[in-house]
N, C-alpha and C. Protein backbone atom coordinates (compact mmCIF):
# COMPACT_ATOMS: atom_id res chain seq x y z
N MET A 1 88.60 139.77 43.60
CA MET A 1 89.09 140.98 43.20
C MET A 1 87.62 142.34 43.64
N VAL A 2 87.06 141.69 43.36
CA VAL A 2 86.19 142.75 43.98
C VAL A 2 86.16 143.04 44.90
N VAL A 3 85.41 141.82 45.77
CA VAL A 3 85.41 141.77 47.67
C VAL A 3 86.45 142.35 48.01
N LEU A 4 87.89 142.52 47.41
CA LEU A 4 88.55 143.08 47.95
C LEU A 4 88.96 144.67 47.82
N PHE A 5 88.30 145.00 47.03
CA PHE A 5 88.54 146.55 46.72
C PHE A 5 86.89 147.44 47.32
N TYR A 6 86.02 146.29 47.70
CA TYR A 6 84.81 146.71 48.87
C TYR A 6 85.50 146.99 50.11
N GLN A 7 86.57 145.60 50.23
CA GLN A 7 87.27 145.91 51.80
C GLN A 7 88.32 147.19 52.38
N LEU A 8 88.70 147.34 50.78
CA LEU A 8 89.59 148.35 51.19
C LEU A 8 88.61 149.71 51.18
N VAL A 9 88.06 149.50 50.93
CA VAL A 9 86.75 150.68 50.22
C VAL A 9 86.66 151.12 51.53
N THR A 10 85.56 149.88 52.42
CA THR A 10 85.49 150.04 54.08
C THR A 10 86.66 150.69 54.64
N LEU A 11 87.81 150.67 54.92
CA LEU A 11 88.43 151.16 55.38
C LEU A 11 88.28 152.49 55.46
N TYR A 12 88.21 153.70 53.86
CA TYR A 12 88.56 154.60 53.14
C TYR A 12 87.13 155.69 53.76
N THR A 13 86.37 155.11 53.34
CA THR A 13 84.37 155.69 52.82
C THR A 13 83.73 154.52 54.01
N THR A 14 84.30 153.60 55.18
CA THR A 14 82.78 153.07 55.41
C THR A 14 81.15 153.77 55.69
N MET A 15 81.42 155.28 56.37
CA MET A 15 80.15 155.99 56.29
C MET A 15 79.57 156.71 55.90
N SER A 16 78.75 156.94 56.34
CA SER A 16 77.70 158.39 55.63
C SER A 16 77.57 159.19 57.01
N TYR A 17 77.21 160.58 56.93
CA TYR A 17 76.36 161.33 57.95
C TYR A 17 75.57 161.10 58.17
N ARG A 18 74.96 159.74 57.57
CA ARG A 18 73.30 160.49 58.50
C ARG A 18 74.13 159.80 60.23
N GLY A 19 74.26 159.15 61.25
CA GLY A 19 74.65 158.85 61.99
C GLY A 19 75.51 158.99 62.54
N GLU A 20 75.77 159.91 62.13
CA GLU A 20 77.51 160.55 62.39
C GLU A 20 77.42 161.64 63.33
N ARG A 21 78.10 161.78 64.85
CA ARG A 21 77.83 162.56 65.70
C ARG A 21 78.73 164.20 64.86
N LYS A 22 77.58 164.77 65.19
CA LYS A 22 77.54 166.69 64.15
C LYS A 22 79.61 166.85 64.02
N SER A 23 80.28 166.77 65.27
CA SER A 23 81.96 167.12 65.56
C SER A 23 82.31 166.35 65.09
N ASN A 24 82.17 165.31 64.82
CA ASN A 24 83.22 164.94 63.40
C ASN A 24 83.66 164.61 62.28
N VAL A 25 82.23 165.21 61.94
CA VAL A 25 81.62 165.97 60.22
C VAL A 25 82.68 166.69 60.17
N HIS A 26 83.48 167.08 59.73
CA HIS A 26 84.59 167.76 59.11
C HIS A 26 85.10 168.50 57.66
N LYS A 27 84.67 170.37 57.42
CA LYS A 27 85.19 170.09 56.11
C LYS A 27 86.53 170.20 56.28
N SER A 28 86.58 170.58 54.80
CA SER A 28 87.90 169.89 54.05
C SER A 28 89.63 170.70 55.08
N ALA A 29 89.34 172.02 55.38
CA ALA A 29 90.88 171.91 55.21
C ALA A 29 90.79 171.61 57.22
N GLU A 30 90.06 171.67 58.24
CA GLU A 30 90.01 171.35 58.83
C GLU A 30 90.69 169.95 59.25
N GLY A 31 89.31 168.52 58.57
CA GLY A 31 89.59 167.57 58.44
C GLY A 31 91.05 167.11 58.36
N TYR A 32 91.10 168.23 57.32
CA TYR A 32 92.84 167.26 56.98
C TYR A 32 93.90 167.51 57.33
N ASP A 33 93.68 168.98 58.07
CA ASP A 33 94.05 169.52 59.09
C ASP A 33 95.45 168.53 59.94
N LEU A 34 93.47 168.31 60.70
CA LEU A 34 93.36 167.09 61.78
C LEU A 34 94.45 165.29 60.92
N TYR A 35 93.98 165.68 59.60
CA TYR A 35 94.76 163.70 59.34
C TYR A 35 96.13 164.18 58.60
N ALA A 36 96.41 165.33 58.74
CA ALA A 36 97.58 165.32 57.83
C ALA A 36 99.42 164.40 57.77
N SER A 37 98.88 164.66 59.32
CA SER A 37 100.14 163.11 60.26
C SER A 37 100.19 161.53 59.89
N SER A 38 99.19 160.81 59.33
CA SER A 38 98.52 160.38 58.34
C SER A 38 97.99 159.50 57.50
N TYR A 39 98.30 161.06 56.55
CA TYR A 39 97.89 160.62 54.91
C TYR A 39 98.45 160.04 54.74
N ASP A 40 100.04 160.08 54.67
CA ASP A 40 101.02 159.55 54.23
C ASP A 40 100.80 157.52 53.35
N ALA A 41 100.26 157.21 54.13
CA ALA A 41 100.48 155.46 54.51
C ALA A 41 98.81 155.14 54.00
N SER A 42 98.08 156.52 53.12
CA SER A 42 96.79 156.04 52.48
C SER A 42 97.23 156.07 51.18
N THR A 43 98.62 156.49 51.02
CA THR A 43 99.12 156.62 49.55
C THR A 43 99.39 154.99 48.55
N PRO A 44 99.31 153.75 48.87
CA PRO A 44 99.27 152.69 47.48
C PRO A 44 97.80 152.49 47.62
N PHE A 45 96.94 153.14 48.80
CA PHE A 45 95.41 152.84 48.28
C PHE A 45 95.15 153.74 47.03
N LEU A 46 95.14 155.08 47.40
CA LEU A 46 95.26 156.25 46.57
C LEU A 46 95.51 155.43 45.03
N ASN A 47 97.06 155.37 45.02
CA ASN A 47 97.09 154.94 44.02
C ASN A 47 96.46 153.44 43.47
N THR A 48 95.63 153.01 44.19
CA THR A 48 95.86 151.93 43.01
C THR A 48 93.84 152.54 42.43
N PHE A 49 93.89 153.87 42.65
CA PHE A 49 92.86 154.17 42.17
C PHE A 49 92.83 155.09 40.74
N GLU A 50 94.08 155.07 39.95
CA GLU A 50 94.80 155.35 39.47
C GLU A 50 95.09 154.52 37.71
N ARG A 51 96.00 153.72 38.63
CA ARG A 51 96.85 152.42 38.13
C ARG A 51 97.94 153.39 36.67
N ASP A 52 97.70 152.60 35.86
CA ASP A 52 99.04 153.45 34.70
C ASP A 52 98.04 154.58 33.87
N GLU A 53 97.08 154.57 33.46
CA GLU A 53 96.13 155.34 33.27
C GLU A 53 96.35 157.07 33.46
N LEU A 54 96.88 157.31 34.62
CA LEU A 54 96.89 159.16 35.01
C LEU A 54 97.85 159.35 33.24
N PHE A 55 98.51 158.77 34.05
CA PHE A 55 100.59 159.17 33.23
C PHE A 55 100.10 159.42 31.08
N LYS A 56 99.42 158.17 30.70
CA LYS A 56 98.98 158.16 29.87
C LYS A 56 98.07 159.29 29.30
N LEU A 57 97.85 159.56 29.80
CA LEU A 57 96.40 160.49 29.20
C LEU A 57 96.96 162.18 29.69
N MET A 58 98.78 162.44 30.28
CA MET A 58 98.73 163.34 31.19
C MET A 58 99.93 163.78 29.48
N GLY A 59 99.99 162.74 28.75
CA GLY A 59 101.37 162.44 27.63
C GLY A 59 102.34 162.51 28.13
N ASP A 60 103.12 163.93 26.93
CA ASP A 60 104.79 164.01 27.09
C ASP A 60 104.28 165.16 28.39
N LEU A 61 105.21 164.83 29.24
CA LEU A 61 105.71 166.47 30.51
C LEU A 61 107.07 167.41 30.86
N ASN A 62 107.52 167.19 28.76
CA ASN A 62 108.94 167.21 29.38
C ASN A 62 108.49 169.22 28.72
N GLY A 63 109.36 169.50 29.72
CA GLY A 63 109.67 171.15 29.70
C GLY A 63 107.80 171.63 29.89
N LYS A 64 107.06 170.83 30.65
CA LYS A 64 105.80 171.42 31.09
C LYS A 64 106.23 172.16 32.56
N LYS A 65 105.08 173.24 32.32
CA LYS A 65 104.94 173.96 33.68
C LYS A 65 103.67 173.66 34.07
N VAL A 66 103.88 172.33 35.37
CA VAL A 66 102.09 171.46 35.88
C VAL A 66 101.93 172.41 37.00
N LEU A 67 100.71 172.01 37.62
CA LEU A 67 100.06 172.96 38.42
C LEU A 67 99.10 171.65 39.17
N ASP A 68 99.47 170.82 40.92
CA ASP A 68 99.03 169.94 40.88
C ASP A 68 98.37 170.22 41.99
N LEU A 69 96.59 171.17 41.25
CA LEU A 69 95.30 170.96 42.72
C LEU A 69 95.17 169.95 43.97
N GLY A 70 94.68 170.24 45.19
CA GLY A 70 94.40 169.48 45.86
C GLY A 70 96.00 168.82 46.63
N SER A 71 97.05 169.24 46.97
CA SER A 71 97.96 168.54 46.25
C SER A 71 98.40 167.62 48.09
N GLY A 72 97.95 167.57 48.86
CA GLY A 72 97.91 166.52 49.76
C GLY A 72 99.68 167.52 50.95
N THR A 73 100.12 166.17 51.14
CA THR A 73 101.12 166.19 50.80
C THR A 73 102.23 165.71 50.24
N GLY A 74 101.71 165.54 49.15
CA GLY A 74 102.34 165.28 47.73
C GLY A 74 102.43 164.56 47.22
N ARG A 75 101.38 163.27 46.94
CA ARG A 75 101.26 162.30 46.59
C ARG A 75 101.58 161.78 44.89
N SER A 76 101.75 163.20 44.55
CA SER A 76 101.74 162.94 42.84
C SER A 76 102.62 164.26 42.85
N VAL A 77 103.49 164.95 43.08
CA VAL A 77 104.57 165.70 42.86
C VAL A 77 105.97 165.28 42.40
N THR A 78 106.18 164.08 43.22
CA THR A 78 107.59 163.42 42.69
C THR A 78 107.47 162.78 41.73
N ARG A 79 106.28 162.07 40.87
CA ARG A 79 105.85 161.48 40.25
C ARG A 79 106.04 162.26 38.99
N LEU A 80 105.71 163.68 39.08
CA LEU A 80 105.10 164.50 38.17
C LEU A 80 106.79 164.75 36.98
N LYS A 81 107.59 164.93 38.43
CA LYS A 81 108.63 165.41 38.51
C LYS A 81 109.79 164.52 37.21
N VAL A 82 109.05 163.24 37.78
CA VAL A 82 110.20 162.23 37.37
C VAL A 82 109.30 161.87 35.87
N ALA A 83 107.92 162.15 35.73
CA ALA A 83 108.33 161.95 34.06
C ALA A 83 108.22 163.05 33.11
N GLY A 84 108.71 164.44 33.98
CA GLY A 84 109.92 165.61 32.89
C GLY A 84 109.13 166.14 32.84
N ALA A 85 108.30 166.57 34.38
CA ALA A 85 107.85 168.35 34.12
C ALA A 85 108.49 169.44 34.55
N THR A 86 109.57 170.50 34.00
CA THR A 86 110.23 170.89 34.37
C THR A 86 110.36 171.70 36.19
N ASP A 87 108.53 172.16 35.79
CA ASP A 87 108.76 173.07 36.83
C ASP A 87 107.05 172.72 37.46
N VAL A 88 107.07 172.29 38.96
CA VAL A 88 105.29 171.55 39.32
C VAL A 88 105.47 172.79 40.72
N THR A 89 104.42 173.40 41.02
CA THR A 89 103.66 174.03 41.66
C THR A 89 102.12 173.64 42.04
N ALA A 90 101.81 173.73 43.74
CA ALA A 90 101.33 172.48 43.92
C ALA A 90 100.67 173.40 45.03
N ILE A 91 99.23 173.47 44.98
CA ILE A 91 98.51 173.85 46.16
C ILE A 91 97.25 173.38 46.76
N ASP A 92 97.20 173.30 48.29
CA ASP A 92 96.12 172.21 49.15
C ASP A 92 95.50 173.43 49.90
N ILE A 93 94.23 173.60 50.70
CA ILE A 93 93.46 173.98 51.05
C ILE A 93 94.33 173.72 53.04
N SER A 94 94.97 172.95 53.24
CA SER A 94 95.18 172.05 54.95
C SER A 94 96.38 172.60 54.83
N LYS A 95 96.70 173.69 56.53
CA LYS A 95 97.75 174.46 56.96
C LYS A 95 98.71 172.86 57.25
N GLU A 96 98.60 172.18 57.68
CA GLU A 96 98.88 170.85 57.72
C GLU A 96 99.86 170.35 57.36
N MET A 97 98.70 169.72 55.98
CA MET A 97 99.47 168.94 55.03
C MET A 97 100.38 169.96 53.99
N VAL A 98 99.95 171.48 53.69
CA VAL A 98 101.69 171.82 53.10
C VAL A 98 103.05 172.26 53.87
N GLU A 99 102.18 172.51 54.89
CA GLU A 99 103.95 171.68 55.58
C GLU A 99 104.85 170.50 55.47
N ILE A 100 103.74 169.93 55.70
CA ILE A 100 104.26 168.01 54.78
C ILE A 100 105.19 168.34 54.31
N LEU A 101 104.33 169.04 52.46
CA LEU A 101 104.77 168.91 51.68
C LEU A 101 106.01 169.65 51.35
N LYS A 102 105.97 170.89 52.21
CA LYS A 102 107.57 171.59 52.09
C LYS A 102 108.50 171.32 52.46
N LYS A 103 108.47 170.33 53.86
CA LYS A 103 109.86 170.07 54.11
C LYS A 103 110.08 168.67 53.54
N ASP A 104 109.02 167.67 52.52
CA ASP A 104 109.31 166.47 52.76
C ASP A 104 109.38 166.63 50.86
N HIS A 105 109.59 167.93 49.90
CA HIS A 105 109.59 167.82 48.92
C HIS A 105 109.70 169.47 48.69
N SER A 106 110.96 169.58 48.94
CA SER A 106 111.56 171.21 49.21
C SER A 106 112.00 172.07 47.53
N HIS A 107 111.68 170.66 46.74
CA HIS A 107 111.72 171.22 44.83
C HIS A 107 110.22 171.46 44.67
N VAL A 108 109.51 171.70 44.68
CA VAL A 108 108.17 171.71 44.91
C VAL A 108 107.96 173.47 44.96
N ASP A 109 106.90 174.30 44.26
CA ASP A 109 106.78 175.41 45.13
C ASP A 109 105.48 174.90 45.26
N ALA A 110 104.55 175.09 46.78
CA ALA A 110 104.02 174.99 47.89
C ALA A 110 103.29 175.34 48.07
N HIS A 111 101.99 176.55 47.83
CA HIS A 111 101.21 177.03 48.69
C HIS A 111 99.47 176.41 49.52
N LEU A 112 99.95 177.50 50.05
CA LEU A 112 98.20 177.26 50.87
C LEU A 112 97.35 178.12 50.03
N GLY A 113 95.62 177.36 49.96
CA GLY A 113 95.05 178.05 49.30
C GLY A 113 93.90 177.77 48.93
N ASP A 114 92.78 177.61 48.38
CA ASP A 114 91.98 177.39 47.64
C ASP A 114 91.59 176.67 46.11
N VAL A 115 90.85 175.75 45.99
CA VAL A 115 90.91 175.57 44.84
C VAL A 115 90.37 176.70 43.87
N GLU A 116 89.19 176.86 44.82
CA GLU A 116 88.27 177.91 43.84
C GLU A 116 88.27 179.11 43.64
N GLU A 117 89.89 180.00 44.52
CA GLU A 117 90.04 180.76 44.07
C GLU A 117 91.97 180.73 44.27
N LEU A 118 92.69 180.54 43.08
CA LEU A 118 94.32 180.38 42.50
C LEU A 118 94.45 181.78 42.91
N PRO A 119 95.75 181.31 43.03
CA PRO A 119 96.67 182.79 43.51
C PRO A 119 97.71 182.79 42.49
N PHE A 120 97.39 182.31 41.44
CA PHE A 120 98.00 182.60 39.74
C PHE A 120 97.51 183.53 38.86
N GLU A 121 98.54 183.88 37.76
CA GLU A 121 98.40 184.58 36.88
C GLU A 121 97.43 183.58 35.70
N ASP A 122 96.37 184.33 35.07
CA ASP A 122 96.16 184.15 34.05
C ASP A 122 97.13 183.17 32.64
N ASP A 123 96.37 182.16 32.67
CA ASP A 123 97.37 181.09 31.24
C ASP A 123 98.90 181.24 31.49
N SER A 124 98.81 180.62 33.09
CA SER A 124 100.38 180.08 33.60
C SER A 124 100.70 179.01 33.46
N PHE A 125 100.71 177.94 32.83
CA PHE A 125 100.50 175.93 33.44
C PHE A 125 99.98 175.57 31.99
N ASP A 126 101.00 174.65 31.52
CA ASP A 126 100.72 173.43 30.63
C ASP A 126 99.74 172.15 30.61
N LEU A 127 99.56 171.90 32.55
CA LEU A 127 99.04 171.60 32.56
C LEU A 127 98.25 171.54 34.48
N VAL A 128 97.00 171.09 34.43
CA VAL A 128 96.53 171.45 35.59
C VAL A 128 96.10 169.76 35.90
N ASN A 129 96.58 169.49 37.45
CA ASN A 129 96.17 168.27 37.84
C ASN A 129 94.44 168.81 38.98
N ALA A 130 93.75 167.74 38.42
CA ALA A 130 92.39 167.77 40.31
C ALA A 130 92.56 166.37 40.46
N LEU A 131 93.64 166.08 41.40
CA LEU A 131 92.93 165.01 41.66
C LEU A 131 92.12 163.88 43.28
N PHE A 132 91.36 163.06 43.14
CA PHE A 132 90.72 162.90 44.43
C PHE A 132 90.84 164.99 45.31
N VAL A 133 89.97 165.59 43.99
CA VAL A 133 89.43 166.80 44.85
C VAL A 133 88.22 167.88 44.81
N ILE A 134 86.92 167.22 43.71
CA ILE A 134 85.93 167.14 43.29
C ILE A 134 84.77 166.37 44.58
N VAL A 135 85.80 165.65 44.99
CA VAL A 135 84.92 164.32 46.24
C VAL A 135 84.64 165.84 47.17
N HIS A 136 85.65 166.70 47.52
CA HIS A 136 84.90 167.54 48.36
C HIS A 136 84.58 169.20 47.81
N LEU A 137 84.04 168.65 46.44
CA LEU A 137 83.25 170.25 46.43
C LEU A 137 81.65 170.02 45.99
N GLY A 138 80.96 171.02 46.21
CA GLY A 138 79.15 170.48 45.38
C GLY A 138 79.03 170.93 44.32
N ASP A 139 79.68 171.68 44.19
CA ASP A 139 79.00 172.97 43.07
C ASP A 139 81.22 172.92 42.96
N LEU A 140 81.03 172.32 40.80
CA LEU A 140 82.65 172.33 40.65
C LEU A 140 82.91 173.46 39.53
N ARG A 141 81.26 174.39 39.01
CA ARG A 141 81.99 175.68 38.67
C ARG A 141 83.24 176.40 38.75
N GLU A 142 83.14 176.53 39.90
CA GLU A 142 84.36 177.88 40.53
C GLU A 142 85.65 177.12 39.93
N MET A 143 85.65 175.82 40.96
CA MET A 143 87.23 175.08 40.55
C MET A 143 88.07 175.02 39.38
N LEU A 144 86.73 175.09 38.66
CA LEU A 144 86.59 174.63 36.91
C LEU A 144 87.03 175.57 36.22
N ASP A 145 86.37 176.81 36.66
CA ASP A 145 86.72 177.69 36.13
C ASP A 145 87.79 178.28 35.84
N GLU A 146 88.18 178.93 37.49
CA GLU A 146 90.10 178.79 37.68
C GLU A 146 90.58 177.84 37.57
N ALA A 147 90.69 176.44 37.25
CA ALA A 147 91.75 175.59 36.05
C ALA A 147 91.29 176.41 34.62
N TYR A 148 89.99 176.40 34.29
CA TYR A 148 90.50 176.52 32.60
C TYR A 148 91.28 178.33 32.60
N ARG A 149 91.32 179.34 33.64
CA ARG A 149 92.20 180.48 33.92
C ARG A 149 93.48 180.45 33.99
N VAL A 150 93.73 179.31 35.12
CA VAL A 150 95.33 179.48 34.44
C VAL A 150 96.29 178.25 33.99
N LEU A 151 95.54 177.67 32.89
CA LEU A 151 95.68 176.96 31.89
C LEU A 151 96.25 178.24 30.96
N LYS A 152 97.42 177.56 30.49
CA LYS A 152 97.63 178.64 28.92
C LYS A 152 96.56 177.98 28.01
N PRO A 153 96.52 178.44 26.79
CA PRO A 153 96.25 178.68 25.59
C PRO A 153 95.99 176.94 25.20
N GLY A 154 95.67 176.03 24.91
CA GLY A 154 95.89 175.01 24.14
C GLY A 154 96.02 173.54 25.61
N GLY A 155 96.35 174.71 26.85
CA GLY A 155 96.62 173.96 28.66
C GLY A 155 95.67 172.35 28.38
N VAL A 156 96.37 171.18 29.19
CA VAL A 156 95.29 169.79 29.51
C VAL A 156 95.16 170.08 30.51
N PHE A 157 93.63 169.79 31.00
CA PHE A 157 93.34 169.64 32.09
C PHE A 157 92.94 168.07 32.52
N ILE A 158 93.33 167.80 33.56
CA ILE A 158 93.77 166.24 33.68
C ILE A 158 92.05 166.33 35.45
N LEU A 159 91.25 165.63 35.50
CA LEU A 159 90.57 165.48 36.64
C LEU A 159 89.80 163.71 36.97
N SER A 160 89.55 163.94 38.47
CA SER A 160 89.14 162.04 38.64
C SER A 160 88.67 162.48 39.54
N ASN A 161 87.34 161.56 39.63
CA ASN A 161 86.18 161.39 39.95
C ASN A 161 85.55 160.40 40.94
N VAL A 162 85.55 159.92 41.92
CA VAL A 162 86.02 158.76 42.91
C VAL A 162 84.62 158.27 42.67
N ASN A 163 84.73 156.64 42.12
CA ASN A 163 83.02 156.47 42.26
C ASN A 163 82.87 156.33 44.40
N GLN A 164 82.91 156.80 45.22
CA GLN A 164 82.23 157.31 46.73
C GLN A 164 81.23 158.02 46.51
N ARG A 165 80.17 156.97 46.81
CA ARG A 165 78.99 157.34 47.36
C ARG A 165 78.77 158.11 48.91
N LYS A 166 79.38 157.36 49.80
CA LYS A 166 80.00 157.77 50.93
C LYS A 166 80.76 158.31 51.48
N ALA A 167 80.52 159.21 52.65
CA ALA A 167 81.63 160.30 53.33
C ALA A 167 82.73 159.60 53.53
N PRO A 168 84.05 159.52 53.45
CA PRO A 168 85.08 158.95 54.24
C PRO A 168 85.35 158.52 56.03
N LYS A 169 85.79 158.23 56.25
CA LYS A 169 85.72 157.96 58.05
C LYS A 169 86.69 157.42 57.84
N LEU A 170 87.94 158.44 58.69
CA LEU A 170 89.29 158.18 58.45
C LEU A 170 89.95 158.55 59.84
N LYS A 171 90.93 157.18 60.27
CA LYS A 171 91.31 157.14 61.85
C LYS A 171 92.79 157.53 61.83
N LEU A 172 92.94 158.85 62.22
CA LEU A 172 94.00 159.66 62.62
C LEU A 172 94.68 158.20 63.67
N LYS A 173 95.83 159.09 64.14
CA LYS A 173 97.52 158.02 65.19
C LYS A 173 96.43 157.90 66.48
N ASP A 174 96.21 158.74 66.28
CA ASP A 174 95.61 158.35 68.35
C ASP A 174 94.42 157.42 68.90
N GLY A 175 93.46 156.99 67.12
CA GLY A 175 92.41 155.83 67.19
C GLY A 175 90.73 157.02 66.94
N THR A 176 91.07 158.30 66.75
CA THR A 176 89.93 159.00 67.08
C THR A 176 89.52 158.42 64.81
N GLU A 177 88.56 158.69 65.20
CA GLU A 177 87.63 158.37 63.44
C GLU A 177 86.95 159.66 63.09
N ILE A 178 87.56 160.40 62.00
CA ILE A 178 86.84 161.90 61.44
C ILE A 178 86.26 161.63 60.12
N VAL A 179 84.68 162.77 60.02
CA VAL A 179 84.67 162.30 58.40
C VAL A 179 85.28 163.51 58.08
N ILE A 180 84.88 164.02 56.11
CA ILE A 180 85.28 164.95 55.73
C ILE A 180 83.98 164.70 55.50
N LYS A 181 83.40 165.87 54.99
CA LYS A 181 82.51 166.57 54.51
C LYS A 181 82.70 166.26 52.24
N SER A 182 81.68 164.94 52.39
CA SER A 182 81.87 164.57 50.79
C SER A 182 80.70 164.73 49.74
N TYR A 183 80.98 164.32 48.60
CA TYR A 183 80.36 164.79 47.21
C TYR A 183 80.39 163.60 46.70
N TYR A 184 79.12 162.99 46.17
CA TYR A 184 79.58 161.96 44.90
C TYR A 184 78.58 162.63 43.88
N HIS A 185 79.52 162.50 42.89
CA HIS A 185 79.86 163.22 41.26
C HIS A 185 79.57 161.90 40.25
N MET A 186 77.63 162.72 39.19
CA MET A 186 77.75 161.37 38.38
C MET A 186 78.34 161.80 37.37
N PRO A 187 79.30 160.98 36.32
CA PRO A 187 79.89 161.05 35.42
C PRO A 187 80.08 161.61 34.34
N LYS A 188 78.24 161.38 34.08
CA LYS A 188 77.79 162.93 33.12
C LYS A 188 77.54 163.57 33.00
N LYS A 189 77.76 164.34 34.38
CA LYS A 189 77.39 165.36 35.48
C LYS A 189 78.84 166.17 35.14
N VAL A 190 79.90 164.96 35.41
CA VAL A 190 81.25 166.15 35.49
C VAL A 190 81.76 166.75 34.29
N LEU A 191 81.72 166.18 33.38
CA LEU A 191 81.96 165.73 31.02
C LEU A 191 80.65 167.20 31.24
N GLU A 192 79.74 167.68 31.90
CA GLU A 192 78.98 168.83 31.24
C GLU A 192 79.74 169.91 32.43
N ALA A 193 79.39 169.33 33.31
CA ALA A 193 80.02 170.72 33.82
C ALA A 193 81.93 171.57 33.71
N LEU A 194 82.44 170.49 32.64
CA LEU A 194 83.74 170.97 32.13
C LEU A 194 82.99 171.37 30.98
N GLU A 195 81.99 171.31 29.90
CA GLU A 195 81.91 171.80 28.84
C GLU A 195 81.60 172.94 29.59
N ASN A 196 80.50 173.42 30.45
CA ASN A 196 80.22 174.04 30.97
C ASN A 196 81.14 175.80 30.56
N SER A 197 82.13 174.94 31.31
CA SER A 197 83.62 176.01 32.01
C SER A 197 84.10 176.16 30.78
N PHE A 198 83.64 175.54 29.55
CA PHE A 198 84.72 175.98 28.21
C PHE A 198 85.42 174.71 27.81
N PHE A 199 85.36 174.05 28.70
CA PHE A 199 86.60 172.84 28.14
C PHE A 199 86.43 172.42 27.68
N LYS A 200 87.32 171.36 26.28
CA LYS A 200 87.17 170.73 24.91
C LYS A 200 87.08 168.97 25.71
N VAL A 201 86.53 167.69 26.36
CA VAL A 201 86.06 166.55 26.22
C VAL A 201 87.19 166.17 26.19
N GLU A 202 88.39 165.71 25.49
CA GLU A 202 89.27 164.87 24.68
C GLU A 202 88.95 163.39 24.69
N LYS A 203 89.09 163.07 26.84
CA LYS A 203 88.78 161.86 26.66
C LYS A 203 88.78 161.31 27.62
N GLU A 204 88.07 160.05 27.89
CA GLU A 204 87.01 159.77 29.55
C GLU A 204 87.92 158.72 29.58
N VAL A 205 88.43 157.81 30.91
CA VAL A 205 88.63 156.55 30.78
C VAL A 205 88.17 156.14 32.70
N PHE A 206 88.12 154.88 32.31
CA PHE A 206 87.20 154.39 33.71
C PHE A 206 88.43 153.10 34.23
N VAL A 207 88.72 153.59 35.09
CA VAL A 207 89.44 152.46 36.05
C VAL A 207 88.14 151.54 36.76
N LYS A 208 88.51 150.68 36.24
CA LYS A 208 87.64 149.21 37.28
C LYS A 208 87.89 148.05 37.68
N GLU A 209 87.99 148.13 38.72
CA GLU A 209 88.10 146.52 39.80
C GLU A 209 86.73 145.86 39.90
N GLY A 210 87.14 144.58 38.72
CA GLY A 210 86.19 143.31 38.70
C GLY A 210 84.61 143.68 37.78
N GLY A 211 85.05 144.62 37.34
CA GLY A 211 84.27 145.18 36.65
C GLY A 211 83.08 146.48 36.40
N VAL A 212 83.86 146.84 37.59
CA VAL A 212 82.98 148.31 38.68
C VAL A 212 84.04 149.25 38.69
N TRP A 213 83.56 150.16 37.99
CA TRP A 213 84.89 151.48 37.87
C TRP A 213 84.39 152.07 39.64
N ILE A 214 86.03 152.09 39.52
CA ILE A 214 85.89 153.61 40.78
C ILE A 214 86.57 154.35 41.07
N ASN A 215 86.78 155.12 39.57
CA ASN A 215 87.83 156.09 39.29
C ASN A 215 86.95 156.28 37.79
N GLN A 216 87.00 157.81 37.66
CA GLN A 216 86.45 158.36 36.30
C GLN A 216 87.59 159.24 35.84
N LEU A 217 88.90 159.50 34.88
CA LEU A 217 89.39 160.22 34.62
C LEU A 217 89.44 160.63 33.73
N VAL A 218 89.66 162.31 33.63
CA VAL A 218 89.33 162.65 32.13
C VAL A 218 90.31 163.53 31.92
N LYS A 219 90.41 163.75 30.66
CA LYS A 219 91.65 164.48 29.70
C LYS A 219 90.59 165.41 29.42
N ALA A 220 90.57 167.38 29.67
CA ALA A 220 90.01 168.17 28.42
C ALA A 220 91.35 169.35 28.63
N VAL A 221 91.19 170.05 27.65
CA VAL A 221 91.32 171.18 26.73
C VAL A 221 90.94 172.11 26.50
N LYS A 222 91.98 173.13 27.01
CA LYS A 222 91.40 174.89 27.12
C LYS A 222 91.30 175.00 25.22
């Protein structure tokens, strides 16, 4: 299983920036604009990083108002609705991703925007998700501060931190390969960052493959 995991990771994250042509390294918005039409094919692979642990951490979503940060084409939004969320709002920095999200998930309030500058009022949501988000942020403070701001008092914040030490190398439908700028975050530093933004960390779970952690999932409360 360990071998299988690393084979899968090789498909998704084989190259670091060193030796990569500068023209092939993209910031999140432009990179995911290019990758948008290919993104849904990666959903089964991305879901393996969460297993059943994600929704266990979220708890009861019935009647809850949820914000999904970095929602992409909507990988998580239908699952949130099925789990009972009354109102699901999604935001992503990629225009092409948001267009697909709106087309495929008309029940979701989808926004084009930056997770470091959210266009929502204070104390608006019962739960905020940041899944596969911090891998594209060098500094977590602004995103965490914004998540804290838009959460209701006592609201829940769910964060994932993938054990990815190399930048993603993604293949487009035409065979072109691109790299989207990424960052590695030590689990201990993630917890410290949450606490520095006034969150109370309630639970930390490591999703593992063959004894190796592949994803850190954290539940924190405002």
